[in-house]
Amino acid sequence: MNKFDMLLKGKQAWNDFCRNHPQFPAFLKDVKATGVPEGTDITVTLTYPDGQRKKAGLHVKPEDMALLAMLKDLK
């Protein structure tokens, strides 16, 4: 499979994901519009079907801003 085909498959997978989970892309769009300034706290929690939970958090530091700017430009 060439890179173009992989991009097309990725685009289709993203479109399917957005149809299945419309609130998540809306959340990402809102975060992109609002921005993630230094000092922001980000928390991610996964809850598995058996009830097990995994959680990670971070506090955005000045040195994180370059990476966040790059992520913002991803479409």
PDB file of N, CA and C in Angstrom:
ATOM      1  N   MET A   1       0.856  -1.171   0.000  1.00  0.00           N
ATOM      2  CA  MET A   1       0.000   0.000   0.000  1.00  0.00           C
ATOM      3  C   MET A   1       0.906   1.240   0.000  1.00  0.00           C
ATOM      4  N   ASN A   2       0.631   2.160  -0.934  1.00  0.00           N
ATOM      5  CA  ASN A   2       1.455   3.369  -0.994  1.00  0.00           C
ATOM      6  C   ASN A   2       0.932   4.429  -0.014  1.00  0.00           C
ATOM      7  N   LYS A   3       1.698   5.501   0.137  1.00  0.00           N
ATOM      8  CA  LYS A   3       1.356   6.534   1.117  1.00  0.00           C
ATOM      9  C   LYS A   3       0.028   7.222   0.793  1.00  0.00           C
ATOM     10  N   PHE A   4      -0.252   7.424  -0.480  1.00  0.00           N
ATOM     11  CA  PHE A   4      -1.516   8.061  -0.861  1.00  0.00           C
ATOM     12  C   PHE A   4      -2.706   7.205  -0.441  1.00  0.00           C
ATOM     13  N   ASP A   5      -2.600   5.893  -0.688  1.00  0.00           N
ATOM     14  CA  ASP A   5      -3.674   4.976  -0.275  1.00  0.00           C
ATOM     15  C   ASP A   5      -3.851   4.983   1.240  1.00  0.00           C
ATOM     16  N   MET A   6      -2.716   5.043   1.963  1.00  0.00           N
ATOM     17  CA  MET A   6      -2.789   5.089   3.425  1.00  0.00           C
ATOM     18  C   MET A   6      -3.479   6.368   3.886  1.00  0.00           C
ATOM     19  N   LEU A   7      -3.187   7.486   3.229  1.00  0.00           N
ATOM     20  CA  LEU A   7      -3.842   8.748   3.576  1.00  0.00           C
ATOM     21  C   LEU A   7      -5.343   8.661   3.324  1.00  0.00           C
ATOM     22  N   LEU A   8      -5.721   8.085   2.198  1.00  0.00           N
ATOM     23  CA  LEU A   8      -7.151   7.944   1.887  1.00  0.00           C
ATOM     24  C   LEU A   8      -7.849   7.056   2.919  1.00  0.00           C
ATOM     25  N   LYS A   9      -7.211   5.950   3.299  1.00  0.00           N
ATOM     26  CA  LYS A   9      -7.803   5.063   4.300  1.00  0.00           C
ATOM     27  C   LYS A   9      -7.904   5.766   5.652  1.00  0.00           C
ATOM     28  N   GLY A  10      -6.872   6.542   5.986  1.00  0.00           N
ATOM     29  CA  GLY A  10      -6.892   7.294   7.235  1.00  0.00           C
ATOM     30  C   GLY A  10      -8.000   8.329   7.249  1.00  0.00           C
ATOM     31  N   LYS A  11      -8.189   9.005   6.125  1.00  0.00           N
ATOM     32  CA  LYS A  11      -9.250  10.006   6.004  1.00  0.00           C
ATOM     33  C   LYS A  11     -10.615   9.341   6.171  1.00  0.00           C
ATOM     34  N   GLN A  12     -10.799   8.193   5.529  1.00  0.00           N
ATOM     35  CA  GLN A  12     -12.075   7.482   5.644  1.00  0.00           C
ATOM     36  C   GLN A  12     -12.305   7.003   7.077  1.00  0.00           C
ATOM     37  N   ALA A  13     -11.250   6.504   7.721  1.00  0.00           N
ATOM     38  CA  ALA A  13     -11.376   6.049   9.116  1.00  0.00           C
ATOM     39  C   ALA A  13     -11.751   7.228  10.016  1.00  0.00           C
ATOM     40  N   TRP A  14     -11.137   8.398   9.792  1.00  0.00           N
ATOM     41  CA  TRP A  14     -11.459   9.588  10.590  1.00  0.00           C
ATOM     42  C   TRP A  14     -12.919   9.998  10.359  1.00  0.00           C
ATOM     43  N   ASN A  15     -13.373   9.975   9.108  1.00  0.00           N
ATOM     44  CA  ASN A  15     -14.765  10.326   8.806  1.00  0.00           C
ATOM     45  C   ASN A  15     -15.735   9.372   9.502  1.00  0.00           C
ATOM     46  N   ASP A  16     -15.418   8.083   9.489  1.00  0.00           N
ATOM     47  CA  ASP A  16     -16.258   7.096  10.172  1.00  0.00           C
ATOM     48  C   ASP A  16     -16.274   7.367  11.679  1.00  0.00           C
ATOM     49  N   PHE A  17     -15.100   7.647  12.239  1.00  0.00           N
ATOM     50  CA  PHE A  17     -14.994   7.950  13.665  1.00  0.00           C
ATOM     51  C   PHE A  17     -15.845   9.165  14.024  1.00  0.00           C
ATOM     52  N   CYS A  18     -15.782  10.199  13.199  1.00  0.00           N
ATOM     53  CA  CYS A  18     -16.560  11.430  13.453  1.00  0.00           C
ATOM     54  C   CYS A  18     -18.055  11.167  13.406  1.00  0.00           C
ATOM     55  N   ARG A  19     -18.478  10.314  12.493  1.00  0.00           N
ATOM     56  CA  ARG A  19     -19.900   9.959  12.419  1.00  0.00           C
ATOM     57  C   ARG A  19     -20.331   9.184  13.667  1.00  0.00           C
ATOM     58  N   ASN A  20     -19.455   8.314  14.146  1.00  0.00           N
ATOM     59  CA  ASN A  20     -19.776   7.490  15.309  1.00  0.00           C
ATOM     60  C   ASN A  20     -19.672   8.239  16.628  1.00  0.00           C
ATOM     61  N   HIS A  21     -18.845   9.278  16.664  1.00  0.00           N
ATOM     62  CA  HIS A  21     -18.580  10.011  17.905  1.00  0.00           C
ATOM     63  C   HIS A  21     -18.584  11.518  17.639  1.00  0.00           C
ATOM     64  N   PRO A  22     -19.728  12.089  17.272  1.00  0.00           N
ATOM     65  CA  PRO A  22     -19.770  13.489  16.836  1.00  0.00           C
ATOM     66  C   PRO A  22     -19.357  14.504  17.903  1.00  0.00           C
ATOM     67  N   GLN A  23     -19.468  14.154  19.169  1.00  0.00           N
ATOM     68  CA  GLN A  23     -19.095  15.114  20.209  1.00  0.00           C
ATOM     69  C   GLN A  23     -17.587  15.299  20.308  1.00  0.00           C
ATOM     70  N   PHE A  24     -16.809  14.271  19.967  1.00  0.00           N
ATOM     71  CA  PHE A  24     -15.355  14.385  20.101  1.00  0.00           C
ATOM     72  C   PHE A  24     -14.750  15.364  19.096  1.00  0.00           C
ATOM     73  N   PRO A  25     -15.082  15.290  17.814  1.00  0.00           N
ATOM     74  CA  PRO A  25     -14.554  16.291  16.882  1.00  0.00           C
ATOM     75  C   PRO A  25     -15.018  17.709  17.245  1.00  0.00           C
ATOM     76  N   ALA A  26     -16.244  17.832  17.739  1.00  0.00           N
ATOM     77  CA  ALA A  26     -16.740  19.144  18.164  1.00  0.00           C
ATOM     78  C   ALA A  26     -15.911  19.660  19.341  1.00  0.00           C
ATOM     79  N   PHE A  27     -15.549  18.771  20.260  1.00  0.00           N
ATOM     80  CA  PHE A  27     -14.687  19.128  21.385  1.00  0.00           C
ATOM     81  C   PHE A  27     -13.323  19.607  20.884  1.00  0.00           C
ATOM     82  N   LEU A  28     -12.724  18.839  19.954  1.00  0.00           N
ATOM     83  CA  LEU A  28     -11.421  19.230  19.407  1.00  0.00           C
ATOM     84  C   LEU A  28     -11.488  20.578  18.693  1.00  0.00           C
ATOM     85  N   LYS A  29     -12.569  20.808  17.958  1.00  0.00           N
ATOM     86  CA  LYS A  29     -12.735  22.086  17.250  1.00  0.00           C
ATOM     87  C   LYS A  29     -12.826  23.241  18.252  1.00  0.00           C
ATOM     88  N   ASP A  30     -13.567  23.036  19.320  1.00  0.00           N
ATOM     89  CA  ASP A  30     -13.704  24.062  20.349  1.00  0.00           C
ATOM     90  C   ASP A  30     -12.366  24.342  21.032  1.00  0.00           C
ATOM     91  N   VAL A  31     -11.631  23.276  21.359  1.00  0.00           N
ATOM     92  CA  VAL A  31     -10.321  23.447  21.997  1.00  0.00           C
ATOM     93  C   VAL A  31      -9.374  24.187  21.056  1.00  0.00           C
ATOM     94  N   LYS A  32      -9.412  23.837  19.770  1.00  0.00           N
ATOM     95  CA  LYS A  32      -8.551  24.523  18.798  1.00  0.00           C
ATOM     96  C   LYS A  32      -8.887  26.008  18.744  1.00  0.00           C
ATOM     97  N   ALA A  33     -10.170  26.333  18.746  1.00  0.00           N
ATOM     98  CA  ALA A  33     -10.595  27.739  18.675  1.00  0.00           C
ATOM     99  C   ALA A  33     -10.231  28.496  19.950  1.00  0.00           C
ATOM    100  N   THR A  34     -10.360  27.830  21.089  1.00  0.00           N
ATOM    101  CA  THR A  34     -10.080  28.466  22.376  1.00  0.00           C
ATOM    102  C   THR A  34      -8.588  28.526  22.653  1.00  0.00           C
ATOM    103  N   GLY A  35      -7.877  27.497  22.220  1.00  0.00           N
ATOM    104  CA  GLY A  35      -6.450  27.409  22.478  1.00  0.00           C
ATOM    105  C   GLY A  35      -6.170  26.689  23.785  1.00  0.00           C
ATOM    106  N   VAL A  36      -4.907  26.367  23.984  1.00  0.00           N
ATOM    107  CA  VAL A  36      -4.454  25.705  25.201  1.00  0.00           C
ATOM    108  C   VAL A  36      -3.289  26.530  25.748  1.00  0.00           C
ATOM    109  N   PRO A  37      -3.600  27.528  26.552  1.00  0.00           N
ATOM    110  CA  PRO A  37      -2.539  28.394  27.060  1.00  0.00           C
ATOM    111  C   PRO A  37      -1.701  27.709  28.146  1.00  0.00           C
ATOM    112  N   GLU A  38      -0.540  28.253  28.350  1.00  0.00           N
ATOM    113  CA  GLU A  38       0.321  27.808  29.440  1.00  0.00           C
ATOM    114  C   GLU A  38      -0.473  27.854  30.738  1.00  0.00           C
ATOM    115  N   GLY A  39      -0.283  26.848  31.572  1.00  0.00           N
ATOM    116  CA  GLY A  39      -0.994  26.778  32.844  1.00  0.00           C
ATOM    117  C   GLY A  39      -2.257  25.930  32.783  1.00  0.00           C
ATOM    118  N   THR A  40      -2.656  25.509  31.578  1.00  0.00           N
ATOM    119  CA  THR A  40      -3.838  24.661  31.423  1.00  0.00           C
ATOM    120  C   THR A  40      -3.552  23.266  31.979  1.00  0.00           C
ATOM    121  N   ASP A  41      -4.530  22.686  32.646  1.00  0.00           N
ATOM    122  CA  ASP A  41      -4.437  21.301  33.102  1.00  0.00           C
ATOM    123  C   ASP A  41      -5.198  20.417  32.120  1.00  0.00           C
ATOM    124  N   ILE A  42      -4.569  19.327  31.702  1.00  0.00           N
ATOM    125  CA  ILE A  42      -5.183  18.361  30.783  1.00  0.00           C
ATOM    126  C   ILE A  42      -5.230  17.019  31.510  1.00  0.00           C
ATOM    127  N   THR A  43      -6.405  16.404  31.537  1.00  0.00           N
ATOM    128  CA  THR A  43      -6.582  15.106  32.168  1.00  0.00           C
ATOM    129  C   THR A  43      -7.249  14.163  31.182  1.00  0.00           C
ATOM    130  N   VAL A  44      -6.709  12.955  31.073  1.00  0.00           N
ATOM    131  CA  VAL A  44      -7.286  11.928  30.209  1.00  0.00           C
ATOM    132  C   VAL A  44      -7.583  10.712  31.085  1.00  0.00           C
ATOM    133  N   THR A  45      -8.812  10.215  30.990  1.00  0.00           N
ATOM    134  CA  THR A  45      -9.212   9.037  31.761  1.00  0.00           C
ATOM    135  C   THR A  45      -9.781   7.988  30.807  1.00  0.00           C
ATOM    136  N   LEU A  46      -9.290   6.773  30.933  1.00  0.00           N
ATOM    137  CA  LEU A  46      -9.846   5.638  30.188  1.00  0.00           C
ATOM    138  C   LEU A  46     -10.568   4.751  31.190  1.00  0.00           C
ATOM    139  N   THR A  47     -11.794   4.358  30.874  1.00  0.00           N
ATOM    140  CA  THR A  47     -12.534   3.412  31.697  1.00  0.00           C
ATOM    141  C   THR A  47     -12.821   2.190  30.832  1.00  0.00           C
ATOM    142  N   TYR A  48     -12.273   1.070  31.215  1.00  0.00           N
ATOM    143  CA  TYR A  48     -12.417  -0.165  30.454  1.00  0.00           C
ATOM    144  C   TYR A  48     -13.761  -0.821  30.754  1.00  0.00           C
ATOM    145  N   PRO A  49     -14.220  -1.726  29.879  1.00  0.00           N
ATOM    146  CA  PRO A  49     -15.512  -2.388  30.105  1.00  0.00           C
ATOM    147  C   PRO A  49     -15.611  -3.086  31.454  1.00  0.00           C
ATOM    148  N   ASP A  50     -14.471  -3.565  31.979  1.00  0.00           N
ATOM    149  CA  ASP A  50     -14.504  -4.247  33.279  1.00  0.00           C
ATOM    150  C   ASP A  50     -14.462  -3.271  34.456  1.00  0.00           C
ATOM    151  N   GLY A  51     -14.461  -1.958  34.176  1.00  0.00           N
ATOM    152  CA  GLY A  51     -14.468  -0.951  35.218  1.00  0.00           C
ATOM    153  C   GLY A  51     -13.092  -0.429  35.597  1.00  0.00           C
ATOM    154  N   GLN A  52     -12.043  -1.096  35.133  1.00  0.00           N
ATOM    155  CA  GLN A  52     -10.681  -0.631  35.413  1.00  0.00           C
ATOM    156  C   GLN A  52     -10.479   0.748  34.790  1.00  0.00           C
ATOM    157  N   ARG A  53      -9.780   1.616  35.521  1.00  0.00           N
ATOM    158  CA  ARG A  53      -9.557   2.985  35.034  1.00  0.00           C
ATOM    159  C   ARG A  53      -8.066   3.290  34.982  1.00  0.00           C
ATOM    160  N   LYS A  54      -7.694   4.039  33.965  1.00  0.00           N
ATOM    161  CA  LYS A  54      -6.335   4.570  33.837  1.00  0.00           C
ATOM    162  C   LYS A  54      -6.494   6.073  33.634  1.00  0.00           C
ATOM    163  N   LYS A  55      -5.656   6.828  34.331  1.00  0.00           N
ATOM    164  CA  LYS A  55      -5.787   8.280  34.289  1.00  0.00           C
ATOM    165  C   LYS A  55      -4.395   8.901  34.214  1.00  0.00           C
ATOM    166  N   ALA A  56      -4.275   9.949  33.406  1.00  0.00           N
ATOM    167  CA  ALA A  56      -3.028  10.701  33.310  1.00  0.00           C
ATOM    168  C   ALA A  56      -3.373  12.176  33.206  1.00  0.00           C
ATOM    169  N   GLY A  57      -2.537  12.981  33.781  1.00  0.00           N
ATOM    170  CA  GLY A  57      -2.761  14.419  33.723  1.00  0.00           C
ATOM    171  C   GLY A  57      -1.464  15.158  33.517  1.00  0.00           C
ATOM    172  N   LEU A  58      -1.581  16.349  33.008  1.00  0.00           N
ATOM    173  CA  LEU A  58      -0.400  17.191  32.845  1.00  0.00           C
ATOM    174  C   LEU A  58      -0.790  18.644  33.000  1.00  0.00           C
ATOM    175  N   HIS A  59       0.176  19.429  33.377  1.00  0.00           N
ATOM    176  CA  HIS A  59       0.024  20.875  33.515  1.00  0.00           C
ATOM    177  C   HIS A  59       0.885  21.490  32.415  1.00  0.00           C
ATOM    178  N   VAL A  60       0.272  22.226  31.496  1.00  0.00           N
ATOM    179  CA  VAL A  60       0.978  22.751  30.324  1.00  0.00           C
ATOM    180  C   VAL A  60       2.035  23.773  30.764  1.00  0.00           C
ATOM    181  N   LYS A  61       3.281  23.476  30.377  1.00  0.00           N
ATOM    182  CA  LYS A  61       4.425  24.318  30.716  1.00  0.00           C
ATOM    183  C   LYS A  61       4.856  25.127  29.495  1.00  0.00           C
ATOM    184  N   PRO A  62       5.644  26.158  29.685  1.00  0.00           N
ATOM    185  CA  PRO A  62       6.100  26.967  28.539  1.00  0.00           C
ATOM    186  C   PRO A  62       6.782  26.120  27.459  1.00  0.00           C
ATOM    187  N   GLU A  63       7.561  25.129  27.875  1.00  0.00           N
ATOM    188  CA  GLU A  63       8.269  24.304  26.902  1.00  0.00           C
ATOM    189  C   GLU A  63       7.344  23.362  26.128  1.00  0.00           C
ATOM    190  N   ASP A  64       6.088  23.231  26.531  1.00  0.00           N
ATOM    191  CA  ASP A  64       5.106  22.412  25.810  1.00  0.00           C
ATOM    192  C   ASP A  64       4.446  23.169  24.655  1.00  0.00           C
ATOM    193  N   MET A  65       4.580  24.479  24.646  1.00  0.00           N
ATOM    194  CA  MET A  65       3.818  25.307  23.712  1.00  0.00           C
ATOM    195  C   MET A  65       4.165  25.035  22.249  1.00  0.00           C
ATOM    196  N   ALA A  66       5.431  24.746  21.931  1.00  0.00           N
ATOM    197  CA  ALA A  66       5.810  24.474  20.539  1.00  0.00           C
ATOM    198  C   ALA A  66       5.110  23.218  20.021  1.00  0.00           C
ATOM    199  N   LEU A  67       5.082  22.169  20.843  1.00  0.00           N
ATOM    200  CA  LEU A  67       4.404  20.934  20.436  1.00  0.00           C
ATOM    201  C   LEU A  67       2.908  21.176  20.261  1.00  0.00           C
ATOM    202  N   LEU A  68       2.288  21.894  21.179  1.00  0.00           N
ATOM    203  CA  LEU A  68       0.854  22.176  21.062  1.00  0.00           C
ATOM    204  C   LEU A  68       0.548  23.001  19.818  1.00  0.00           C
ATOM    205  N   ALA A  69       1.431  23.917  19.454  1.00  0.00           N
ATOM    206  CA  ALA A  69       1.236  24.701  18.231  1.00  0.00           C
ATOM    207  C   ALA A  69       1.289  23.787  17.008  1.00  0.00           C
ATOM    208  N   MET A  70       2.203  22.809  17.001  1.00  0.00           N
ATOM    209  CA  MET A  70       2.286  21.870  15.879  1.00  0.00           C
ATOM    210  C   MET A  70       1.018  21.020  15.810  1.00  0.00           C
ATOM    211  N   LEU A  71       0.531  20.550  16.937  1.00  0.00           N
ATOM    212  CA  LEU A  71      -0.680  19.737  16.960  1.00  0.00           C
ATOM    213  C   LEU A  71      -1.886  20.532  16.476  1.00  0.00           C
ATOM    214  N   LYS A  72      -1.923  21.803  16.809  1.00  0.00           N
ATOM    215  CA  LYS A  72      -3.038  22.655  16.386  1.00  0.00           C
ATOM    216  C   LYS A  72      -3.120  22.735  14.870  1.00  0.00           C
ATOM    217  N   ASP A  73      -1.972  22.692  14.199  1.00  0.00           N
ATOM    218  CA  ASP A  73      -1.935  22.814  12.745  1.00  0.00           C
ATOM    219  C   ASP A  73      -2.299  21.519  12.016  1.00  0.00           C
ATOM    220  N   LEU A  74      -2.382  20.397  12.749  1.00  0.00           N
ATOM    221  CA  LEU A  74      -2.805  19.141  12.120  1.00  0.00           C
ATOM    222  C   LEU A  74      -4.282  19.216  11.751  1.00  0.00           C
ATOM    223  N   LYS A  75      -4.638  18.677  10.629  1.00  0.00           N
ATOM    224  CA  LYS A  75      -6.043  18.701  10.206  1.00  0.00           C
ATOM    225  C   LYS A  75      -6.533  17.310   9.972  1.00  0.00           C
TER     226      LYS A  75
END
